[in-house]
C-alpha cells in the first residue's frame, strides 16, 4: 500500500479555453462499500475534450471552474470497498465514466444515459479521468480479459458509444448501413454494424486518408461527397454503392449539416436514421423527405445498459480490432501537445499514459 500512498494524483486541468495546467489533487476516497479505486493507466482524447479545450463549453455545459479533462480511460484496481465482489486489486478494467442517480424513471427503465442527475466525467461541473486515481462504483468498471491490453481498454468507451448508436439503428443481419463521418466513432460504427451482421457498410468522408483506412478496417464501400446539393450527393452515393432504393439505415457520426441533409435522402423509405454526431444546435433539415419516406429518426447519447459489456466482448472476441485505431501514446506531461495534435487532425486516436502508468503496472502485476 505504501506505493499507492506515495503515487501521484497529478491532474490535467482546464481553466478556460486554451488555458490548462497540471496540478496535484487529493486522492479520491471510496464513498461506498461498493466502490473501487482505480489507478488510471491510459486515457484517449475525445472530440468533446478538445471542444471544451477550444470553446470552454458544449451547448449548455459551460466550464465555469477549473475542470479535469478526459473520460475514455482504462486502469488498474488498487483498492476495493468491503462489499465489492466482482473485482480485486490488480484487475485491469475499462472505466465507464458516468455515475447516474439510479432512482429516476430513465435509470430504473435501463436508460441511465438519460438520467437528469448524471455525474459524467469531464462534463461541467464534474472532473474527468486525466488524473492519477479515479473512484468508481464497482458495476461501472468492466474487467478486461487477460489477453486484452490496457491500451485497448481505453478504447472501450468510444466503442460503447458506437454500440449504442448501432443498437439505435436496429441493424439486422443482411442489411445495408451508411455511416457519415470516418472519425473514431464513425469507424467504430462501421465495425459494430458489421459485427451485427450488416452485409453492406458504406463509410462517407471528405478526407481520402480516412476513407482508405475505413476500407481496410470495416467498410465494404466508401464514398467521397462533393460540394453539391444533398440530393445530388445522395443520388451518386446510391448509384456508386449499388444501394437501389436507399440504405436500410443511415448513421450520422459527423454532426456536419451537409452530411445530415444527405443522410435523409440516402435512407430508404421506412428506413432508420440515427443522429450520433453533435454539431450546430440548429440546422436546415429536409423535413419533407423525412415525412414522405416515413423515416424513423432517432438520437443517440453516450451509452446505456449492456453497451460497455458488449464492447468488451467485441474486443475480446476479435470482432473489433481497436488496436488499429491507436495512433500513439504520449506521456502524461505531454498531454497538451497531444490535444494540439488531435485538434490538427493528426492520427485517429491518441492515448495519454496516466501519471503513474509504470506504477500501475507494478501495483497490478501486469
Protein backbone atom coordinates (compact mmCIF):
# COMPACT_ATOMS: atom_id res chain seq x y z
CA UNK A 1 0.00 0.00 0.00
CA UNK A 2 2.93 2.31 0.50
CA UNK A 3 3.47 2.58 -3.23
CA UNK A 4 -0.16 3.64 -3.71
CA UNK A 5 0.03 6.23 -0.93
CA UNK A 6 3.16 7.75 -2.48
CA UNK A 7 1.81 7.66 -6.04
CA UNK A 8 0.92 10.87 -7.84
CA UNK A 9 -2.56 12.21 -8.34
CA UNK A 10 -1.31 14.74 -10.87
CA UNK A 11 -4.26 16.00 -12.92
CA UNK A 12 -4.63 17.75 -16.29
CA UNK A 13 -6.93 20.70 -15.67
CA UNK A 14 -8.76 23.11 -17.97
CA UNK A 15 -9.13 26.64 -16.54
CA UNK A 16 -10.65 28.25 -19.62
CA UNK A 17 -10.24 27.88 -23.41
CA UNK A 18 -6.61 27.09 -24.30
CA UNK A 19 -5.59 27.55 -20.66
CA UNK A 20 -4.56 24.29 -18.98
CA UNK A 21 -2.34 23.32 -16.07
CA UNK A 22 -1.02 20.30 -14.20
CA UNK A 23 -1.92 20.17 -10.53
CA UNK A 24 -1.76 17.67 -7.71
CA UNK A 25 -5.27 16.89 -6.48
CA UNK A 26 -6.24 14.98 -3.31
CA UNK A 27 -6.61 11.25 -3.97
CA UNK A 28 -10.29 10.26 -4.11
CA UNK A 29 -11.72 8.16 -1.30
CA UNK A 30 -14.29 5.39 -1.55
CA UNK A 31 -17.73 6.83 -0.82
CA UNK A 32 -19.50 3.47 -0.70
CA UNK A 33 -18.61 -0.11 0.29
CA UNK A 34 -19.42 -0.97 -3.35
CA UNK A 35 -16.85 1.47 -4.76
CA UNK A 36 -13.38 0.71 -6.11
CA UNK A 37 -10.28 2.88 -6.51
CA UNK A 38 -8.66 2.71 -9.94
CA UNK A 39 -5.18 3.91 -10.91
CA UNK A 40 -5.60 5.32 -14.42
CA UNK A 41 -3.26 3.74 -16.98
CA UNK A 42 -4.41 5.23 -20.29
CA UNK A 43 -6.89 7.86 -21.46
CA UNK A 44 -7.98 8.54 -25.02
CA UNK A 45 -8.69 12.05 -26.26
CA UNK A 46 -12.29 12.54 -27.36
CA UNK A 47 -13.65 15.24 -29.62
CA UNK A 48 -15.66 16.59 -26.69
CA UNK A 49 -12.46 17.03 -24.66
CA UNK A 50 -10.95 19.06 -27.49
CA UNK A 51 -14.16 21.07 -27.83
CA UNK A 52 -14.04 22.06 -24.13
CA UNK A 53 -10.36 22.93 -24.52
CA UNK A 54 -11.09 25.16 -27.52
CA UNK A 55 -14.51 26.61 -26.67
CA UNK A 56 -14.88 26.14 -22.93
CA UNK A 57 -18.36 24.78 -23.44
CA UNK A 58 -20.56 22.31 -25.30
CA UNK A 59 -24.10 23.59 -25.57
CA UNK A 60 -25.44 24.31 -22.09
CA UNK A 61 -22.44 22.65 -20.41
CA UNK A 62 -20.08 25.54 -19.60
CA UNK A 63 -16.70 25.33 -17.86
CA UNK A 64 -17.06 27.91 -15.07
CA UNK A 65 -14.47 26.46 -12.66
CA UNK A 66 -11.22 24.53 -13.24
CA UNK A 67 -12.10 21.04 -14.50
CA UNK A 68 -10.05 17.86 -15.00
CA UNK A 69 -10.38 16.70 -18.62
CA UNK A 70 -10.70 13.17 -20.01
CA UNK A 71 -13.23 10.33 -19.86
CA UNK A 72 -12.00 7.49 -22.14
CA UNK A 73 -9.95 5.53 -19.63
CA UNK A 74 -8.64 2.17 -18.54
CA UNK A 75 -6.87 1.42 -15.31
CA UNK A 76 -5.82 -0.98 -12.58
CA UNK A 77 -7.86 -1.59 -9.45
CA UNK A 78 -5.79 -0.71 -6.38
CA UNK A 79 -8.35 -0.99 -3.57
CA UNK A 80 -11.94 -2.12 -3.15
CA UNK A 81 -14.80 -1.45 -0.75
CA UNK A 82 -15.88 -4.04 1.80
CA UNK A 83 -18.88 -5.21 -0.24
CA UNK A 84 -17.18 -5.44 -3.65
CA UNK A 85 -17.44 -8.97 -5.04
CA UNK A 86 -16.56 -8.86 -8.74
CA UNK A 87 -13.21 -7.03 -8.63
CA UNK A 88 -9.98 -7.24 -6.67
CA UNK A 89 -6.74 -5.24 -6.51
CA UNK A 90 -4.68 -5.88 -9.64
CA UNK A 91 -7.61 -6.33 -12.02
CA UNK A 92 -7.41 -4.45 -15.33
CA UNK A 93 -10.61 -2.54 -16.04
CA UNK A 94 -12.30 -0.29 -18.56
CA UNK A 95 -13.89 2.60 -16.70
CA UNK A 96 -17.41 3.71 -17.57
CA UNK A 97 -17.11 7.40 -16.63
CA UNK A 98 -20.66 8.28 -15.61
CA UNK A 99 -22.44 7.94 -12.29
CA UNK A 100 -26.24 8.03 -12.61
CA UNK A 101 -28.64 8.57 -9.71
CA UNK A 102 -30.08 5.02 -10.14
CA UNK A 103 -33.51 6.14 -8.84
CA UNK A 104 -35.19 8.19 -11.60
CA UNK A 105 -37.51 6.74 -14.27
CA UNK A 106 -34.82 6.60 -17.01
CA UNK A 107 -32.41 4.83 -14.64
CA UNK A 108 -34.99 2.31 -13.47
CA UNK A 109 -36.00 1.59 -17.08
CA UNK A 110 -32.41 0.83 -18.09
CA UNK A 111 -31.80 4.15 -19.84
CA UNK A 112 -29.45 5.62 -17.27
CA UNK A 113 -27.66 7.59 -20.01
CA UNK A 114 -30.73 9.86 -19.92
CA UNK A 115 -30.53 10.41 -16.15
CA UNK A 116 -31.03 14.10 -15.41
CA UNK A 117 -28.66 13.85 -12.45
CA UNK A 118 -25.85 12.03 -14.29
CA UNK A 119 -22.40 12.93 -13.00
CA UNK A 120 -20.33 12.41 -16.12
CA UNK A 121 -16.55 12.77 -16.21
CA UNK A 122 -15.23 15.99 -17.79
CA UNK A 123 -18.72 17.42 -18.20
CA UNK A 124 -19.05 20.60 -16.14
CA UNK A 125 -19.03 20.76 -13.19
CA UNK A 126 -17.61 17.23 -12.79
CA UNK A 127 -13.92 16.35 -13.08
CA UNK A 128 -12.62 13.83 -15.59
CA UNK A 129 -10.17 10.95 -15.67
CA UNK A 130 -6.91 12.60 -16.80
CA UNK A 131 -5.64 12.11 -13.30
CA UNK A 132 -3.82 9.57 -11.17
CA UNK A 133 -6.74 7.89 -9.44
CA UNK A 134 -10.47 7.54 -10.06
CA UNK A 135 -13.10 6.28 -7.63
CA UNK A 136 -15.96 4.39 -9.29
CA UNK A 137 -18.91 2.16 -8.46
CA UNK A 138 -17.93 -1.49 -8.86
CA UNK A 139 -20.52 -2.10 -11.59
CA UNK A 140 -19.17 0.76 -13.71
CA UNK A 141 -15.76 -0.88 -14.02
CA UNK A 142 -15.52 -3.74 -16.53
CA UNK A 143 -12.84 -6.34 -16.00
CA UNK A 144 -10.67 -6.85 -19.07
CA UNK A 145 -9.74 -10.41 -20.11
CA UNK A 146 -6.06 -11.24 -19.70
CA UNK A 147 -5.42 -11.07 -23.46
CA UNK A 148 -6.93 -7.56 -23.76
CA UNK A 149 -4.40 -4.79 -23.13
CA UNK A 150 -4.95 -1.65 -21.08
CA UNK A 151 -4.44 0.38 -24.26
CA UNK A 152 -7.33 -1.49 -25.86
CA UNK A 153 -9.27 -0.93 -22.64
CA UNK A 154 -9.10 2.83 -23.20
CA UNK A 155 -10.97 2.31 -26.50
CA UNK A 156 -13.92 0.58 -24.83
CA UNK A 157 -15.60 3.93 -24.18
CA UNK A 158 -15.81 5.11 -27.82
CA UNK A 159 -16.67 1.56 -28.88
CA UNK A 160 -19.57 1.57 -26.40
CA UNK A 161 -20.75 4.82 -28.00
CA UNK A 162 -20.75 3.04 -31.36
CA UNK A 163 -22.54 0.01 -29.92
CA UNK A 164 -25.31 2.25 -28.61
CA UNK A 165 -25.66 4.07 -31.94
CA UNK A 166 -25.87 0.82 -33.91
CA UNK A 167 -28.41 -0.57 -31.45
CA UNK A 168 -30.48 2.56 -32.02
CA UNK A 169 -30.29 1.84 -35.75
CA UNK A 170 -31.69 -1.66 -35.12
CA UNK A 171 -29.25 -3.27 -37.55
CA UNK A 172 -30.15 -6.81 -38.58
CA UNK A 173 -28.13 -9.43 -40.49
CA UNK A 174 -28.02 -8.78 -44.21
CA UNK A 175 -28.95 -5.10 -44.01
CA UNK A 176 -27.18 -2.13 -45.55
CA UNK A 177 -25.75 0.73 -43.48
CA UNK A 178 -24.28 4.09 -44.47
CA UNK A 179 -22.11 5.85 -41.88
CA UNK A 180 -21.44 9.56 -42.35
CA UNK A 181 -18.04 10.52 -40.95
CA UNK A 182 -14.92 8.37 -40.66
CA UNK A 183 -13.57 9.69 -37.37
CA UNK A 184 -13.07 7.27 -34.46
CA UNK A 185 -16.79 6.86 -33.68
CA UNK A 186 -17.76 6.60 -37.36
CA UNK A 187 -15.13 3.93 -37.96
CA UNK A 188 -16.27 2.02 -34.90
CA UNK A 189 -19.89 2.27 -36.06
CA UNK A 190 -18.82 0.59 -39.30
CA UNK A 191 -17.13 -2.20 -37.35
CA UNK A 192 -20.06 -2.70 -34.97
CA UNK A 193 -22.58 -2.70 -37.82
CA UNK A 194 -20.54 -5.44 -39.47
CA UNK A 195 -20.41 -7.37 -36.18
CA UNK A 196 -24.21 -7.06 -36.01
CA UNK A 197 -24.42 -8.72 -39.42
CA UNK A 198 -24.70 -5.84 -41.90
CA UNK A 199 -23.67 -7.07 -45.35
CA UNK A 200 -23.02 -3.66 -46.89
CA UNK A 201 -21.32 -0.91 -44.87
CA UNK A 202 -20.58 2.39 -46.60
CA UNK A 203 -18.21 4.90 -45.00
CA UNK A 204 -18.56 8.54 -46.10
CA UNK A 205 -15.98 11.26 -45.51
CA UNK A 206 -14.27 14.15 -47.29
CA UNK A 207 -10.74 13.03 -46.33
CA UNK A 208 -9.24 10.36 -48.64
CA UNK A 209 -6.86 9.06 -45.96
CA UNK A 210 -9.76 8.36 -43.60
CA UNK A 211 -11.69 6.52 -46.29
CA UNK A 212 -8.61 4.48 -47.19
CA UNK A 213 -8.36 3.42 -43.54
CA UNK A 214 -12.12 2.75 -43.35
CA UNK A 215 -11.91 0.41 -46.35
CA UNK A 216 -9.17 -1.61 -44.69
CA UNK A 217 -10.87 -1.55 -41.29
CA UNK A 218 -14.57 -2.38 -41.68
CA UNK A 219 -16.26 -0.64 -44.61
CA UNK A 220 -17.27 -2.62 -47.70
CA UNK A 221 -17.65 0.61 -49.71
CA UNK A 222 -16.50 4.22 -49.38
CA UNK A 223 -17.83 7.47 -50.80
CA UNK A 224 -16.45 11.00 -51.11
CA UNK A 225 -19.14 13.71 -51.25
CA UNK A 226 -18.77 16.84 -53.33
CA UNK A 227 -19.85 20.44 -52.74
CA UNK A 228 -23.21 19.98 -54.46
CA UNK A 229 -26.82 19.70 -53.33
CA UNK A 230 -27.60 16.98 -50.81
CA UNK A 231 -29.91 15.25 -53.28
CA UNK A 232 -27.10 15.06 -55.85
CA UNK A 233 -24.62 13.55 -53.40
CA UNK A 234 -27.26 11.09 -52.25
CA UNK A 235 -28.11 10.00 -55.80
CA UNK A 236 -24.44 9.46 -56.69
CA UNK A 237 -23.79 7.58 -53.45
CA UNK A 238 -26.69 5.20 -54.04
CA UNK A 239 -25.64 4.60 -57.64
CA UNK A 240 -21.94 4.02 -56.90
CA UNK A 241 -22.60 1.66 -53.98
CA UNK A 242 -25.45 -0.29 -55.57
CA UNK A 243 -27.99 0.73 -52.96
CA UNK A 244 -31.03 0.83 -55.20
CA UNK A 245 -33.95 2.25 -53.23
CA UNK A 246 -31.76 3.50 -50.38
CA UNK A 247 -29.96 2.14 -47.33
CA UNK A 248 -31.76 0.28 -44.56
CA UNK A 249 -30.10 2.55 -42.01
CA UNK A 250 -28.04 5.70 -42.09
CA UNK A 251 -25.93 6.85 -39.17
CA UNK A 252 -24.51 10.36 -38.95
CA UNK A 253 -21.33 10.35 -36.89
CA UNK A 254 -20.13 13.72 -38.17
CA UNK A 255 -22.57 16.36 -36.94
CA UNK A 256 -22.00 18.22 -40.21
CA UNK A 257 -25.08 19.85 -41.71
CA UNK A 258 -24.46 18.70 -45.33
CA UNK A 259 -23.99 15.10 -44.12
CA UNK A 260 -27.22 15.20 -42.13
CA UNK A 261 -29.13 16.58 -45.12
CA UNK A 262 -27.67 13.95 -47.45
CA UNK A 263 -28.48 11.17 -44.96
CA UNK A 264 -32.23 11.71 -45.19
CA UNK A 265 -32.05 11.37 -48.97
CA UNK A 266 -29.91 8.22 -48.70
CA UNK A 267 -32.04 6.21 -46.27
CA UNK A 268 -34.74 4.03 -47.87
CA UNK A 269 -38.46 4.51 -47.42
CA UNK A 270 -39.37 3.15 -43.99
CA UNK A 271 -35.69 3.05 -43.00
CA UNK A 272 -33.94 4.26 -39.86
CA UNK A 273 -31.81 7.37 -39.40
CA UNK A 274 -29.69 7.86 -36.25
CA UNK A 275 -28.02 11.12 -35.24
CA UNK A 276 -24.86 10.18 -33.37
CA UNK A 277 -22.63 13.17 -34.13
CA UNK A 278 -23.05 16.52 -32.46
CA UNK A 279 -22.77 19.73 -34.44
CA UNK A 280 -24.53 23.08 -34.59
CA UNK A 281 -27.58 23.40 -32.30
CA UNK A 282 -29.86 24.22 -35.25
CA UNK A 283 -29.63 23.30 -38.92
CA UNK A 284 -31.70 23.33 -42.10
CA UNK A 285 -33.30 19.87 -42.23
CA UNK A 286 -35.14 18.08 -45.11
CA UNK A 287 -38.31 17.52 -43.14
CA UNK A 288 -40.46 16.83 -46.23
CA UNK A 289 -38.28 13.89 -47.25
CA UNK A 290 -38.33 12.59 -43.67
CA UNK A 291 -42.13 12.65 -43.62
CA UNK A 292 -42.91 11.33 -47.10
CA UNK A 293 -40.41 8.46 -46.73
CA UNK A 294 -41.73 7.70 -43.23
CA UNK A 295 -38.20 7.51 -41.87
CA UNK A 296 -37.73 6.60 -38.23
CA UNK A 297 -35.39 9.27 -36.83
CA UNK A 298 -33.54 8.76 -33.54
CA UNK A 299 -30.92 10.47 -31.44
CA UNK A 300 -28.14 8.63 -29.67
CA UNK A 301 -26.47 9.81 -26.46
CA UNK A 302 -23.48 8.11 -24.83
CA UNK A 303 -24.32 4.50 -23.86
CA UNK A 304 -26.75 2.53 -21.75
CA UNK A 305 -27.26 -0.80 -20.08
CA UNK A 306 -25.20 -3.59 -21.67
CA UNK A 307 -23.28 -1.39 -24.13
CA UNK A 308 -19.93 -1.45 -22.28
CA UNK A 309 -20.24 -5.19 -21.68
CA UNK A 310 -20.82 -5.86 -25.37
CA UNK A 311 -17.95 -3.53 -26.33
CA UNK A 312 -15.55 -5.51 -24.14
CA UNK A 313 -16.81 -8.75 -25.68
CA UNK A 314 -16.31 -7.46 -29.23
CA UNK A 315 -12.68 -6.60 -28.41
CA UNK A 316 -12.10 -9.86 -26.54
CA UNK A 317 -13.55 -11.98 -29.37
CA UNK A 318 -11.58 -10.11 -32.05
CA UNK A 319 -14.73 -8.81 -33.78
CA UNK A 320 -13.49 -5.21 -33.48
CA UNK A 321 -9.74 -4.58 -33.67
CA UNK A 322 -9.49 -1.31 -31.75
CA UNK A 323 -5.68 -1.51 -31.65
CA UNK A 324 -5.61 -0.33 -35.26
CA UNK A 325 -7.18 2.98 -34.26
CA UNK A 326 -4.41 3.84 -31.79
CA UNK A 327 -2.06 6.32 -33.43
CA UNK A 328 0.31 6.59 -30.49
CA UNK A 329 0.76 7.09 -26.76
CA UNK A 330 2.23 10.16 -25.06
CA UNK A 331 3.48 10.73 -21.55
CA UNK A 332 1.16 12.49 -19.14
CA UNK A 333 3.26 15.65 -19.07
CA UNK A 334 2.81 15.96 -22.85
CA UNK A 335 -0.99 15.96 -22.68
CA UNK A 336 -1.42 19.46 -24.08
CA UNK A 337 0.72 18.64 -27.12
CA UNK A 338 -1.50 15.61 -27.71
CA UNK A 339 -4.59 17.84 -27.64
CA UNK A 340 -2.98 20.08 -30.24
CA UNK A 341 -2.30 17.09 -32.48
CA UNK A 342 -5.88 15.87 -32.22
CA UNK A 343 -7.22 19.34 -33.00
CA UNK A 344 -4.97 19.43 -36.07
CA UNK A 345 -6.45 16.14 -37.25
CA UNK A 346 -3.28 14.10 -36.80
CA UNK A 347 -3.91 10.38 -36.43
CA UNK A 348 -7.10 8.64 -35.30
CA UNK A 349 -6.88 8.01 -31.55
CA UNK A 350 -4.13 9.33 -29.29
CA UNK A 351 -3.70 7.87 -25.79
CA UNK A 352 -2.24 9.70 -22.79
CA UNK A 353 -0.47 7.50 -20.25
CA UNK A 354 -1.50 8.08 -16.64
CA UNK A 355 0.94 9.85 -14.30
CA UNK A 356 1.55 6.51 -12.52
CA UNK A 357 1.37 4.27 -15.56
CA UNK A 358 4.51 2.29 -14.64
CA UNK A 359 3.48 2.18 -11.00
CA UNK A 360 0.03 0.95 -12.04
CA UNK A 361 1.59 -1.94 -13.90
CA UNK A 362 3.67 -2.77 -10.85
CA UNK A 363 0.72 -2.50 -8.48
CA UNK A 364 -1.46 -4.69 -10.66
CA UNK A 365 1.25 -7.14 -11.55
CA UNK A 366 0.58 -6.72 -15.32
